[in-house]
Amino acid sequence: MLKRFSSFKTLGLIETPKPLIPSNYLFNSIPRFYASSSEDSSTKSKKPLPTKKERKKESFRKRLYEKNKERAKHLLKEFVHLVVHGSKSAYKDARYMAAVVSSKPKRSYTIEEIRELSRIKRDLTKFVPFYAAVLIPGGELALIPYLFLFPRAMPSYFMTETSLKEEKYKYIDNQARAYKVLRQYLLSAMIKAGYDPSVKDPDGMKKFFIENQQRLLPLLQLEEMDSEILRSSSDFLMHEYVEGTFIINLLYKTTVNLPRYAINAAMWIARNSYRAVWTHPFFSHTFKLNFFPFEEIKRQLIKFQLKRQLKVMKHQNMSIILNQFGTLKEETVLDVARERGYYADKEEEARKWLREEWNKISKDHIDNELFLFWYSVILYEYHS
């Protein structure tokens, strides 16, 4: 028995146990592709949520985008419409000017044609740089500083009806302010020539001016005026002119008001109704610059433009004498009368006055533009 059992191997009862399956055995046995995808999904699910401040910033951006998206679309459509409409209008005006100039001598122009030709020349001069900026890719950005420095450089083709009306009312207001300055200047010259302002005669100034024009006109020459009187003369004729020192004043006002512009821009972006208003004279001061060399630059520049405008007025007066009113609109007739000192609200009254009273006085002094200009200043007092 013992021999029989001795053939068996001794049982290793104290034998060390085999190592257990490691905890990451199953994970290691999964292919890497599936393991990485499971890792990504687990990390994605465990991404940290955005903070309250980040959520607020994101919602503010969304609201700002939604509010201004429609406004930007509307502005873009309006800009494209103005460019297309302005291009067509400029082409029509150029054809009209070529047809009138080639078919008629100057003395046979109607008053409507004279006014239209002067407007077209002015608009086409402005149109060239403006349209060049529109055609060049990205040139629209240059229009912002260009129109800021030269606000009158916008052609009427690209202006809305409301802005044209506002500009017209501005000219009328400027004429009323200019009259006060010119009347004082004229009165002082008349007193030097022997006029007695204490005489109570409604037509006293008219009579004295006509009777003593030989002595008065040398005192009222453009060469004797300073830049302030020349400016007022241009404003009285409702004439658009370039002063020459506008940019200096504009740069000063822009610099001192820069913080206010920044505040108001931020309020506009945030759609807040608050607007900062600074009324101190420091922020709206205008430098007259009436010393050398600025005074001389202003004088020569305004005088040159004023002489050209007086020549245009002479051609218009010639047309009125010949009764060639054409198909003038009501507003145009009123403007023609206002430029000559007659402030009327009805077209019939203005047309009658131009054909009768103004026609009579301009016949005798058609070549003396200076006399007609100062006579219109006297008339303004009686008709305004």
Protein backbone atom coordinates (compact mmCIF):
# COMPACT_ATOMS: atom_id res chain seq x y z
CA MET A 1 0.00 0.00 0.00
CA LEU A 2 2.69 2.33 0.92
CA LYS A 3 4.60 1.56 -2.20
CA ARG A 4 1.56 2.02 -4.22
CA PHE A 5 0.88 5.51 -2.86
CA SER A 6 4.52 6.51 -2.98
CA SER A 7 4.40 6.64 -6.78
CA PHE A 8 2.21 9.73 -6.59
CA LYS A 9 3.71 13.19 -6.34
CA THR A 10 3.56 14.85 -3.03
CA LEU A 11 0.72 17.36 -2.95
CA GLY A 12 1.96 20.90 -2.66
CA LEU A 13 -0.38 21.98 0.02
CA ILE A 14 1.79 24.96 0.88
CA GLU A 15 2.13 25.96 -2.79
CA THR A 16 1.79 29.70 -3.46
CA PRO A 17 -1.45 30.62 -5.19
CA LYS A 18 -1.49 31.93 -8.78
CA PRO A 19 -1.81 35.69 -9.14
CA LEU A 20 -5.37 36.97 -9.53
CA ILE A 21 -6.60 38.74 -12.72
CA PRO A 22 -5.58 42.38 -12.54
CA SER A 23 -8.33 45.06 -12.21
CA ASN A 24 -7.45 46.70 -15.56
CA TYR A 25 -7.28 43.40 -17.44
CA LEU A 26 -10.62 43.89 -19.14
CA PHE A 27 -9.80 47.48 -20.06
CA ASN A 28 -6.43 46.47 -21.54
CA SER A 29 -8.05 43.72 -23.56
CA ILE A 30 -10.34 46.30 -25.34
CA PRO A 31 -8.91 47.61 -28.63
CA ARG A 32 -7.35 51.04 -28.45
CA PHE A 33 -9.87 52.65 -30.89
CA TYR A 34 -12.81 51.79 -28.65
CA ALA A 35 -10.91 52.70 -25.54
CA SER A 36 -10.05 56.17 -26.79
CA SER A 37 -13.65 56.84 -27.87
CA SER A 38 -14.93 55.85 -24.48
CA GLU A 39 -12.30 58.10 -22.87
CA ASP A 40 -13.37 61.07 -25.02
CA SER A 41 -17.03 60.54 -24.21
CA SER A 42 -16.26 60.41 -20.53
CA THR A 43 -14.11 63.56 -20.66
CA LYS A 44 -16.73 65.37 -22.76
CA SER A 45 -19.43 64.62 -20.30
CA LYS A 46 -17.19 65.88 -17.52
CA LYS A 47 -16.34 69.28 -19.17
CA PRO A 48 -16.67 72.19 -16.72
CA LEU A 49 -19.75 74.36 -17.20
CA PRO A 50 -19.20 78.04 -18.20
CA THR A 51 -19.18 80.51 -15.36
CA LYS A 52 -21.96 83.00 -14.73
CA LYS A 53 -19.81 85.86 -16.10
CA GLU A 54 -19.08 83.95 -19.35
CA ARG A 55 -22.77 83.10 -19.79
CA LYS A 56 -23.69 86.78 -19.36
CA LYS A 57 -21.06 87.87 -21.90
CA GLU A 58 -22.28 85.32 -24.45
CA SER A 59 -25.93 86.31 -24.02
CA PHE A 60 -25.03 90.02 -24.38
CA ARG A 61 -23.23 89.28 -27.67
CA LYS A 62 -26.23 87.34 -28.98
CA ARG A 63 -28.65 90.10 -28.04
CA LEU A 64 -26.39 92.77 -29.59
CA TYR A 65 -26.08 90.78 -32.81
CA GLU A 66 -29.83 90.17 -33.09
CA LYS A 67 -30.68 93.83 -32.43
CA ASN A 68 -28.20 95.33 -34.90
CA LYS A 69 -28.46 92.71 -37.67
CA GLU A 70 -31.67 94.18 -39.13
CA ARG A 71 -30.37 97.73 -38.78
CA ALA A 72 -27.16 96.87 -40.63
CA LYS A 73 -29.15 95.20 -43.43
CA HIS A 74 -31.40 98.25 -43.76
CA LEU A 75 -28.43 100.65 -43.88
CA LEU A 76 -26.68 98.50 -46.50
CA LYS A 77 -29.79 98.40 -48.72
CA GLU A 78 -30.24 102.15 -48.39
CA PHE A 79 -26.58 102.77 -49.26
CA VAL A 80 -26.79 100.55 -52.38
CA HIS A 81 -30.03 102.27 -53.44
CA LEU A 82 -28.45 105.72 -53.04
CA VAL A 83 -25.37 104.71 -55.05
CA VAL A 84 -27.45 103.31 -57.92
CA HIS A 85 -29.88 106.25 -57.89
CA GLY A 86 -27.00 108.75 -57.62
CA SER A 87 -25.15 107.24 -60.57
CA LYS A 88 -28.25 107.45 -62.78
CA SER A 89 -28.92 111.05 -61.69
CA ALA A 90 -25.31 112.09 -62.37
CA TYR A 91 -25.47 110.56 -65.86
CA LYS A 92 -28.75 112.37 -66.64
CA ASP A 93 -27.35 115.68 -65.36
CA ALA A 94 -24.19 115.33 -67.45
CA ARG A 95 -26.28 114.70 -70.57
CA TYR A 96 -28.55 117.65 -69.76
CA MET A 97 -25.58 120.00 -69.29
CA ALA A 98 -23.98 118.87 -72.55
CA ALA A 99 -27.26 119.37 -74.44
CA VAL A 100 -27.89 122.88 -73.03
CA VAL A 101 -24.31 124.15 -73.49
CA SER A 102 -24.05 122.84 -77.05
CA SER A 103 -27.46 124.05 -78.25
CA LYS A 104 -27.79 127.57 -76.74
CA PRO A 105 -25.73 130.75 -76.39
CA LYS A 106 -25.31 132.05 -72.82
CA ARG A 107 -27.62 135.03 -73.20
CA SER A 108 -30.58 132.83 -74.16
CA TYR A 109 -30.47 130.58 -71.06
CA THR A 110 -33.62 130.53 -68.94
CA ILE A 111 -33.29 131.15 -65.20
CA GLU A 112 -34.10 127.48 -64.62
CA GLU A 113 -31.23 126.38 -66.88
CA ILE A 114 -28.77 128.77 -65.21
CA ARG A 115 -29.60 127.45 -61.76
CA GLU A 116 -29.52 123.85 -62.92
CA LEU A 117 -26.15 124.26 -64.65
CA SER A 118 -24.56 125.82 -61.54
CA ARG A 119 -25.98 123.00 -59.37
CA ILE A 120 -24.79 120.30 -61.81
CA LYS A 121 -21.25 121.73 -61.93
CA ARG A 122 -21.11 121.78 -58.14
CA ASP A 123 -22.50 118.24 -57.82
CA LEU A 124 -20.25 116.71 -60.49
CA THR A 125 -17.19 118.26 -58.83
CA LYS A 126 -18.17 116.51 -55.59
CA PHE A 127 -19.25 113.33 -57.38
CA VAL A 128 -15.81 112.37 -58.76
CA PRO A 129 -13.96 111.77 -55.43
CA PHE A 130 -17.09 110.39 -53.75
CA TYR A 131 -17.78 107.83 -56.49
CA ALA A 132 -14.11 106.86 -56.71
CA ALA A 133 -14.22 105.88 -53.03
CA VAL A 134 -17.38 103.82 -53.64
CA LEU A 135 -15.92 101.91 -56.62
CA ILE A 136 -12.58 101.02 -54.97
CA PRO A 137 -12.96 97.87 -52.80
CA GLY A 138 -12.87 98.96 -49.17
CA GLY A 139 -12.87 102.61 -50.17
CA GLU A 140 -16.18 103.13 -48.34
CA LEU A 141 -14.16 103.24 -45.12
CA ALA A 142 -12.32 106.31 -46.43
CA LEU A 143 -15.65 108.10 -46.87
CA ILE A 144 -16.11 108.38 -43.09
CA PRO A 145 -13.06 110.63 -42.42
CA TYR A 146 -13.51 112.37 -45.81
CA LEU A 147 -17.10 113.45 -45.08
CA PHE A 148 -16.16 114.26 -41.50
CA LEU A 149 -13.47 116.72 -42.59
CA PHE A 150 -15.50 118.02 -45.57
CA PRO A 151 -19.20 117.75 -44.61
CA ARG A 152 -20.32 119.72 -47.68
CA ALA A 153 -18.57 117.28 -50.02
CA MET A 154 -21.62 115.01 -50.27
CA PRO A 155 -23.29 115.35 -53.72
CA SER A 156 -27.03 116.01 -53.66
CA TYR A 157 -27.51 112.74 -55.62
CA PHE A 158 -26.68 110.74 -52.50
CA MET A 159 -28.72 112.82 -50.04
CA THR A 160 -32.22 111.97 -48.88
CA GLU A 161 -35.13 114.40 -49.25
CA THR A 162 -35.22 115.12 -45.52
CA SER A 163 -31.51 116.02 -45.42
CA LEU A 164 -31.95 118.29 -48.47
CA LYS A 165 -34.83 120.08 -46.75
CA GLU A 166 -32.81 120.48 -43.55
CA GLU A 167 -29.92 121.97 -45.55
CA LYS A 168 -32.30 124.41 -47.23
CA TYR A 169 -33.72 125.60 -43.90
CA LYS A 170 -30.16 126.03 -42.67
CA TYR A 171 -29.43 128.37 -45.59
CA ILE A 172 -32.56 130.42 -44.75
CA ASP A 173 -31.48 130.74 -41.10
CA ASN A 174 -27.96 131.72 -42.15
CA GLN A 175 -29.41 134.41 -44.42
CA ALA A 176 -31.34 135.95 -41.52
CA ARG A 177 -28.21 136.03 -39.33
CA ALA A 178 -26.08 137.42 -42.16
CA TYR A 179 -28.57 140.23 -42.80
CA LYS A 180 -27.99 141.69 -39.31
CA VAL A 181 -24.24 141.89 -39.91
CA LEU A 182 -24.59 143.33 -43.43
CA ARG A 183 -27.19 145.93 -42.43
CA GLN A 184 -24.89 147.27 -39.72
CA TYR A 185 -22.00 147.41 -42.19
CA LEU A 186 -24.15 149.15 -44.82
CA LEU A 187 -25.59 151.62 -42.31
CA SER A 188 -22.12 152.66 -41.11
CA ALA A 189 -21.06 153.28 -44.73
CA MET A 190 -24.22 155.30 -45.41
CA ILE A 191 -23.67 157.44 -42.30
CA LYS A 192 -20.14 158.21 -43.56
CA ALA A 193 -21.72 159.32 -46.87
CA GLY A 194 -24.13 161.67 -45.03
CA TYR A 195 -27.21 159.55 -44.26
CA ASP A 196 -29.26 160.55 -41.17
CA PRO A 197 -30.72 157.38 -39.55
CA SER A 198 -33.02 159.43 -37.28
CA VAL A 199 -35.20 160.46 -40.25
CA LYS A 200 -38.46 158.50 -40.04
CA ASP A 201 -39.02 157.54 -43.65
CA PRO A 202 -39.75 153.89 -44.53
CA ASP A 203 -38.14 154.30 -47.94
CA GLY A 204 -35.35 156.59 -46.71
CA MET A 205 -32.56 154.03 -47.09
CA LYS A 206 -33.68 153.06 -50.59
CA LYS A 207 -33.83 156.65 -51.81
CA PHE A 208 -30.49 157.63 -50.26
CA PHE A 209 -28.75 154.53 -51.61
CA ILE A 210 -29.98 155.10 -55.19
CA GLU A 211 -29.21 158.84 -55.13
CA ASN A 212 -25.73 158.51 -53.55
CA GLN A 213 -24.54 155.25 -55.12
CA GLN A 214 -21.47 156.92 -56.65
CA ARG A 215 -20.17 157.83 -53.18
CA LEU A 216 -21.39 154.66 -51.43
CA LEU A 217 -20.19 151.88 -53.72
CA PRO A 218 -16.44 152.65 -53.31
CA LEU A 219 -16.95 152.17 -49.54
CA LEU A 220 -18.75 148.85 -50.11
CA GLN A 221 -16.26 147.17 -52.46
CA LEU A 222 -15.37 143.50 -51.80
CA GLU A 223 -11.69 144.47 -51.44
CA GLU A 224 -12.59 146.64 -48.41
CA MET A 225 -14.37 143.82 -46.55
CA ASP A 226 -12.82 141.52 -43.98
CA SER A 227 -13.46 137.76 -43.93
CA GLU A 228 -16.42 138.07 -41.54
CA ILE A 229 -18.36 140.44 -43.86
CA LEU A 230 -17.48 138.29 -46.89
CA ARG A 231 -18.81 135.23 -45.11
CA SER A 232 -22.04 137.04 -44.26
CA SER A 233 -22.37 138.17 -47.90
CA SER A 234 -22.11 134.55 -49.10
CA ASP A 235 -24.62 133.43 -46.48
CA PHE A 236 -27.04 136.16 -47.51
CA LEU A 237 -26.97 134.94 -51.14
CA MET A 238 -27.68 131.40 -49.81
CA HIS A 239 -24.48 130.36 -51.54
CA GLU A 240 -22.37 127.32 -50.62
CA TYR A 241 -18.74 128.30 -50.08
CA VAL A 242 -15.46 126.98 -48.64
CA GLU A 243 -14.00 129.01 -45.80
CA GLY A 244 -10.55 127.43 -45.64
CA THR A 245 -10.11 127.30 -41.84
CA PHE A 246 -13.03 125.00 -41.08
CA ILE A 247 -10.80 121.94 -40.56
CA ILE A 248 -8.77 123.66 -37.81
CA ASN A 249 -11.91 124.36 -35.76
CA LEU A 250 -13.26 120.89 -36.47
CA LEU A 251 -10.09 119.16 -35.25
CA TYR A 252 -10.14 121.23 -32.04
CA LYS A 253 -13.80 120.42 -31.30
CA THR A 254 -13.26 116.73 -32.09
CA THR A 255 -10.24 116.48 -29.78
CA VAL A 256 -11.87 118.08 -26.73
CA ASN A 257 -15.17 116.21 -27.25
CA LEU A 258 -13.55 112.78 -27.80
CA PRO A 259 -14.52 111.40 -24.33
CA ARG A 260 -18.15 112.47 -24.89
CA TYR A 261 -18.21 110.76 -28.29
CA ALA A 262 -16.85 107.55 -26.71
CA ILE A 263 -19.50 107.60 -23.94
CA ASN A 264 -22.36 108.21 -26.37
CA ALA A 265 -21.10 105.52 -28.76
CA ALA A 266 -21.02 103.00 -25.89
CA MET A 267 -24.55 104.01 -24.86
CA TRP A 268 -25.75 103.63 -28.45
CA ILE A 269 -24.25 100.13 -28.75
CA ALA A 270 -25.86 99.12 -25.46
CA ARG A 271 -29.18 100.66 -26.62
CA ASN A 272 -29.23 102.97 -23.61
CA SER A 273 -31.16 106.24 -23.96
CA TYR A 274 -28.61 108.25 -21.94
CA ARG A 275 -26.51 110.76 -23.92
CA ALA A 276 -23.78 112.94 -22.47
CA VAL A 277 -24.24 116.65 -23.24
CA TRP A 278 -21.47 119.16 -22.46
CA THR A 279 -22.63 122.77 -22.77
CA HIS A 280 -19.49 124.56 -21.60
CA PRO A 281 -18.09 127.03 -24.21
CA PHE A 282 -14.75 125.21 -24.01
CA PHE A 283 -16.25 122.28 -25.94
CA SER A 284 -17.92 124.40 -28.67
CA HIS A 285 -15.50 127.29 -29.07
CA THR A 286 -14.82 128.49 -32.63
CA PHE A 287 -11.54 130.20 -33.45
CA LYS A 288 -12.10 133.11 -35.83
CA LEU A 289 -8.41 133.09 -36.82
CA ASN A 290 -8.65 136.69 -38.02
CA PHE A 291 -4.90 137.26 -38.07
CA PHE A 292 -2.17 136.70 -40.63
CA PRO A 293 -1.88 134.37 -42.55
CA PHE A 294 -5.32 132.84 -41.84
CA GLU A 295 -7.23 136.08 -42.36
CA GLU A 296 -5.72 136.66 -45.80
CA ILE A 297 -6.34 133.04 -46.86
CA LYS A 298 -10.00 133.31 -45.84
CA ARG A 299 -10.47 136.69 -47.50
CA GLN A 300 -9.05 135.67 -50.87
CA LEU A 301 -10.82 132.31 -50.94
CA ILE A 302 -14.29 133.64 -50.02
CA LYS A 303 -13.91 136.72 -52.24
CA PHE A 304 -13.11 134.53 -55.27
CA GLN A 305 -16.21 132.39 -54.69
CA LEU A 306 -18.41 135.41 -54.00
CA LYS A 307 -17.41 137.09 -57.28
CA ARG A 308 -18.32 133.94 -59.19
CA GLN A 309 -21.70 133.80 -57.47
CA LEU A 310 -22.41 137.46 -58.28
CA LYS A 311 -21.76 136.68 -61.96
CA VAL A 312 -24.26 133.80 -61.79
CA MET A 313 -26.77 136.21 -60.22
CA LYS A 314 -26.14 138.65 -63.09
CA HIS A 315 -27.04 135.96 -65.66
CA GLN A 316 -30.17 135.13 -63.69
CA ASN A 317 -31.19 138.80 -63.62
CA MET A 318 -30.71 138.96 -67.38
CA SER A 319 -33.03 135.98 -67.72
CA ILE A 320 -35.65 137.64 -65.49
CA ILE A 321 -35.53 140.78 -67.68
CA LEU A 322 -36.20 138.63 -70.75
CA ASN A 323 -39.11 136.92 -68.87
CA GLN A 324 -37.66 133.47 -69.45
CA PHE A 325 -38.87 131.79 -66.29
CA GLY A 326 -39.35 128.44 -67.98
CA THR A 327 -41.12 125.80 -65.91
CA LEU A 328 -39.81 126.88 -62.53
CA LYS A 329 -41.16 125.00 -59.53
CA GLU A 330 -42.78 126.87 -56.67
CA GLU A 331 -39.85 126.36 -54.29
CA THR A 332 -37.34 127.53 -56.91
CA VAL A 333 -39.27 130.77 -57.52
CA LEU A 334 -39.33 131.44 -53.77
CA ASP A 335 -35.58 130.77 -53.54
CA VAL A 336 -34.84 133.16 -56.43
CA ALA A 337 -36.83 135.88 -54.64
CA ARG A 338 -35.18 135.19 -51.27
CA GLU A 339 -31.71 135.52 -52.77
CA ARG A 340 -32.72 139.04 -53.84
CA GLY A 341 -34.08 140.13 -50.46
CA TYR A 342 -37.77 139.37 -51.00
CA TYR A 343 -39.03 136.88 -48.43
CA ALA A 344 -42.44 135.58 -49.61
CA ASP A 345 -44.48 132.50 -48.75
CA LYS A 346 -46.58 132.39 -51.93
CA GLU A 347 -45.28 131.70 -55.42
CA GLU A 348 -47.63 134.19 -57.14
CA GLU A 349 -46.38 137.10 -55.00
CA ALA A 350 -42.71 136.19 -55.56
CA ARG A 351 -43.15 135.77 -59.33
CA LYS A 352 -45.03 139.08 -59.61
CA TRP A 353 -42.37 140.94 -57.59
CA LEU A 354 -39.55 139.49 -59.73
CA ARG A 355 -41.26 140.47 -62.98
CA GLU A 356 -42.20 143.97 -61.88
CA GLU A 357 -40.17 145.63 -59.08
CA TRP A 358 -36.94 143.63 -59.39
CA ASN A 359 -37.12 143.65 -63.18
CA LYS A 360 -37.35 147.45 -63.17
CA ILE A 361 -34.37 148.05 -60.83
CA SER A 362 -32.15 145.39 -62.43
CA LYS A 363 -32.67 146.79 -65.97
CA ASP A 364 -30.92 150.03 -64.99
CA HIS A 365 -28.06 148.31 -63.10
CA ILE A 366 -27.65 144.97 -64.90
CA ASP A 367 -23.85 145.35 -65.15
CA ASN A 368 -23.42 146.56 -61.56
CA GLU A 369 -23.68 143.36 -59.50
CA LEU A 370 -22.44 145.10 -56.34
CA PHE A 371 -25.24 147.69 -56.46
CA LEU A 372 -27.91 144.97 -56.87
CA PHE A 373 -26.41 142.97 -54.01
CA TRP A 374 -26.54 145.85 -51.49
CA TYR A 375 -29.95 146.92 -52.78
CA SER A 376 -31.23 143.40 -51.99
CA VAL A 377 -29.89 143.81 -48.42
CA ILE A 378 -32.01 146.99 -48.09
CA LEU A 379 -35.06 145.18 -49.53
CA TYR A 380 -34.74 142.35 -46.99
CA GLU A 381 -35.65 144.72 -44.15
CA TYR A 382 -38.94 145.69 -45.81
CA HIS A 383 -40.07 142.23 -46.93
CA SER A 384 -38.81 139.85 -44.22
